[in-house]
Amino acid sequence: MFQVRIHGRGGQGAVTAAEMLSVAAFKEGRHAQAFPSFGSERTGAPVVSFCRIDDREIRLREPVLSPDALIVQDPTLFQTVDVFQGLPANGFVLINSPRRLDELHLDGVLGRLPPGHARCVPAGELARLHVGRPLPNAALLGGFAAMTGLIRLESVLAAIREAFPGRIGEANANAAAAAFEHCLA
């Protein structure tokens, strides 16, 4: 079972990202579940959502305490939340930031990960360019597909288009494709 924990702030689409990731897995014939965990339901408050993907039925229902991958939608959370809690030494970390990893001063945590397992992608900027708003959720899923190889980009794009039909879905799909290419470079 592959477990993903998504950290963001209310209004950034962390819950929707987990749902779209689970739909992408379903489209590939896998089992998946997505669910949120948040306290005060207000814009800007820390939000965590979870996604599990497996080839077999998933019976677990508790929060993801030992994620195989972390998606961080807002790097300011590093100052207030222990985002890396439970991350194994072979885990993946994808951060929404236009900065380089070494500029984030996370060497102690990210330095122990295998090469290529930690990346920054300017998802907010890509979303602003393609969608007109800096919502990083869909773009980060494209980066996740490139970084982990767990889900095909085509499945991610189909899930995005299903969640946001029409022009908005197409714009988000373009942002995800751009993030995918960014992570491959």
Protein backbone atom coordinates (compact mmCIF):
# COMPACT_ATOMS: atom_id res chain seq x y z
CA MET A 1 0.00 0.00 0.00
CA PHE A 2 1.25 3.48 -0.90
CA GLN A 3 0.17 6.24 1.50
CA VAL A 4 0.20 9.97 0.75
CA ARG A 5 -0.25 12.83 3.18
CA ILE A 6 -1.05 16.28 1.78
CA HIS A 7 -0.39 19.36 3.90
CA GLY A 8 -1.92 22.67 2.93
CA ARG A 9 -4.01 25.54 4.13
CA GLY A 10 -7.77 25.90 3.91
CA GLY A 11 -8.68 27.08 0.42
CA GLN A 12 -5.66 25.57 -1.37
CA GLY A 13 -7.47 22.40 -2.40
CA ALA A 14 -5.68 19.79 -0.26
CA VAL A 15 -8.89 17.78 0.17
CA THR A 16 -9.70 17.98 -3.54
CA ALA A 17 -6.12 16.94 -4.39
CA ALA A 18 -6.45 13.74 -2.34
CA GLU A 19 -9.79 13.00 -4.00
CA MET A 20 -8.39 13.57 -7.50
CA LEU A 21 -5.38 11.37 -6.72
CA SER A 22 -7.69 8.56 -5.58
CA VAL A 23 -9.79 8.94 -8.77
CA ALA A 24 -6.60 8.73 -10.86
CA ALA A 25 -5.75 5.46 -9.10
CA PHE A 26 -9.28 4.11 -9.71
CA LYS A 27 -8.87 4.92 -13.40
CA GLU A 28 -5.85 2.62 -13.40
CA GLY A 29 -7.86 -0.22 -11.86
CA ARG A 30 -6.47 0.17 -8.36
CA HIS A 31 -8.11 0.58 -4.99
CA ALA A 32 -7.87 3.98 -3.33
CA GLN A 33 -9.33 6.08 -0.57
CA ALA A 34 -9.12 9.78 0.20
CA PHE A 35 -10.21 11.67 3.29
CA PRO A 36 -9.40 14.91 5.13
CA SER A 37 -8.48 15.89 8.65
CA PHE A 38 -8.89 19.47 9.75
CA GLY A 39 -9.82 21.43 12.83
CA SER A 40 -11.17 24.90 12.33
CA GLU A 41 -12.72 25.02 8.89
CA ARG A 42 -11.55 28.41 7.73
CA THR A 43 -9.48 29.76 4.91
CA GLY A 44 -5.79 29.74 5.78
CA ALA A 45 -5.99 27.22 8.62
CA PRO A 46 -3.71 24.15 8.35
CA VAL A 47 -5.41 21.23 6.60
CA VAL A 48 -4.22 17.67 6.11
CA SER A 49 -5.69 15.18 3.69
CA PHE A 50 -4.76 11.60 3.00
CA CYS A 51 -4.79 9.18 0.08
CA ARG A 52 -4.05 5.47 0.07
CA ILE A 53 -3.47 3.46 -3.10
CA ASP A 54 -3.18 -0.30 -3.34
CA ASP A 55 -3.81 -3.19 -5.69
CA ARG A 56 -6.00 -4.80 -3.03
CA GLU A 57 -9.00 -3.57 -1.07
CA ILE A 58 -8.07 -1.04 1.60
CA ARG A 59 -9.58 -1.63 5.02
CA LEU A 60 -7.62 0.96 7.03
CA ARG A 61 -9.56 4.07 8.00
CA GLU A 62 -7.19 5.93 10.28
CA PRO A 63 -5.02 8.92 9.34
CA VAL A 64 -1.74 8.29 7.53
CA LEU A 65 0.96 8.41 10.20
CA SER A 66 3.80 6.95 8.13
CA PRO A 67 3.40 8.41 4.64
CA ASP A 68 5.31 7.06 1.67
CA ALA A 69 4.97 10.53 0.16
CA LEU A 70 4.30 14.04 1.39
CA ILE A 71 2.85 16.81 -0.75
CA VAL A 72 3.32 20.22 0.83
CA GLN A 73 1.11 22.89 -0.71
CA ASP A 74 2.37 25.73 1.49
CA PRO A 75 6.00 25.80 2.70
CA THR A 76 5.12 28.24 5.51
CA LEU A 77 3.67 25.18 7.27
CA PHE A 78 7.25 24.06 8.05
CA GLN A 79 7.31 26.74 10.76
CA THR A 80 4.13 25.59 12.52
CA VAL A 81 3.49 21.91 11.72
CA ASP A 82 5.78 18.86 11.92
CA VAL A 83 5.15 18.07 8.28
CA PHE A 84 7.85 15.38 8.10
CA GLN A 85 6.56 13.34 11.04
CA GLY A 86 6.60 9.63 10.19
CA LEU A 87 8.32 10.01 6.80
CA PRO A 88 10.54 6.97 6.16
CA ALA A 89 14.11 7.28 4.86
CA ASN A 90 12.96 6.22 1.37
CA GLY A 91 9.92 8.52 1.26
CA PHE A 92 9.06 11.19 -1.28
CA VAL A 93 8.56 14.92 -0.62
CA LEU A 94 7.03 17.33 -3.14
CA ILE A 95 6.95 21.00 -2.13
CA ASN A 96 5.08 23.85 -3.78
CA SER A 97 7.83 26.43 -4.02
CA PRO A 98 9.64 28.41 -6.71
CA ARG A 99 12.77 28.09 -4.55
CA ARG A 100 15.36 25.33 -4.78
CA LEU A 101 15.48 22.66 -2.07
CA ASP A 102 18.76 23.99 -0.67
CA GLU A 103 17.16 27.42 -0.26
CA LEU A 104 14.46 25.97 2.01
CA HIS A 105 17.05 24.93 4.66
CA LEU A 106 15.61 21.45 5.07
CA ASP A 107 18.89 19.61 4.57
CA GLY A 108 18.55 17.64 7.81
CA VAL A 109 15.32 15.99 6.70
CA LEU A 110 15.62 15.97 2.93
CA GLY A 111 19.32 15.06 2.92
CA ARG A 112 18.55 11.55 4.15
CA LEU A 113 16.19 10.80 1.25
CA PRO A 114 17.39 8.99 -1.90
CA PRO A 115 18.32 11.21 -4.86
CA GLY A 116 15.21 12.42 -6.71
CA HIS A 117 12.88 11.77 -3.76
CA ALA A 118 12.55 15.44 -2.84
CA ARG A 119 11.54 18.14 -5.29
CA CYS A 120 10.22 21.66 -5.44
CA VAL A 121 7.78 22.66 -8.14
CA PRO A 122 6.39 26.19 -8.54
CA ALA A 123 2.84 24.82 -8.56
CA GLY A 124 1.24 28.04 -7.38
CA GLU A 125 2.95 29.98 -10.16
CA LEU A 126 2.02 27.36 -12.76
CA ALA A 127 -1.59 27.50 -11.58
CA ARG A 128 -1.60 31.30 -11.76
CA LEU A 129 -0.22 31.11 -15.31
CA HIS A 130 -2.69 28.46 -16.55
CA VAL A 131 -5.74 28.88 -14.31
CA GLY A 132 -5.47 32.51 -13.28
CA ARG A 133 -5.36 31.70 -9.54
CA PRO A 134 -2.44 30.36 -7.46
CA LEU A 135 -4.21 27.15 -6.34
CA PRO A 136 -1.45 24.50 -6.35
CA ASN A 137 -3.44 21.28 -5.90
CA ALA A 138 -3.86 20.07 -9.49
CA ALA A 139 -0.40 21.15 -10.57
CA LEU A 140 1.17 19.28 -7.65
CA LEU A 141 -0.52 16.06 -8.77
CA GLY A 142 1.28 16.35 -12.10
CA GLY A 143 4.57 16.77 -10.23
CA PHE A 144 3.68 13.81 -8.00
CA ALA A 145 3.11 11.59 -11.06
CA ALA A 146 6.51 12.54 -12.48
CA MET A 147 8.42 12.20 -9.22
CA THR A 148 7.00 8.88 -7.98
CA GLY A 149 5.93 7.09 -11.16
CA LEU A 150 3.05 5.69 -9.09
CA ILE A 151 0.31 7.13 -11.31
CA ARG A 152 0.38 7.94 -15.01
CA LEU A 153 0.00 11.58 -16.02
CA GLU A 154 -2.93 10.62 -18.27
CA SER A 155 -4.85 9.30 -15.26
CA VAL A 156 -4.14 12.46 -13.28
CA LEU A 157 -5.32 14.65 -16.16
CA ALA A 158 -8.50 12.60 -16.55
CA ALA A 159 -9.24 12.91 -12.81
CA ILE A 160 -8.67 16.68 -12.95
CA ARG A 161 -10.97 17.07 -15.96
CA GLU A 162 -13.61 14.99 -14.19
CA ALA A 163 -13.40 17.11 -11.03
CA PHE A 164 -13.46 20.39 -12.97
CA PRO A 165 -15.32 19.98 -16.26
CA GLY A 166 -14.87 22.49 -19.05
CA ARG A 167 -12.42 25.36 -19.31
CA ILE A 168 -11.33 25.26 -15.63
CA GLY A 169 -10.53 21.56 -15.85
CA GLU A 170 -8.53 22.04 -19.01
CA ALA A 171 -6.59 24.92 -17.44
CA ASN A 172 -5.82 22.81 -14.33
CA ALA A 173 -4.80 19.89 -16.55
CA ASN A 174 -2.37 22.20 -18.36
CA ALA A 175 -0.90 23.29 -15.02
CA ALA A 176 -0.50 19.64 -13.98
CA ALA A 177 1.20 18.78 -17.28
CA ALA A 178 3.58 21.73 -16.84
CA ALA A 179 4.44 20.57 -13.30
CA PHE A 180 5.00 17.04 -14.62
CA GLU A 181 7.52 18.38 -17.17
CA HIS A 182 9.15 20.57 -14.51
CA CYS A 183 9.76 17.55 -12.28
CA LEU A 184 11.23 15.53 -15.14
CA ALA A 185 13.74 18.26 -16.00
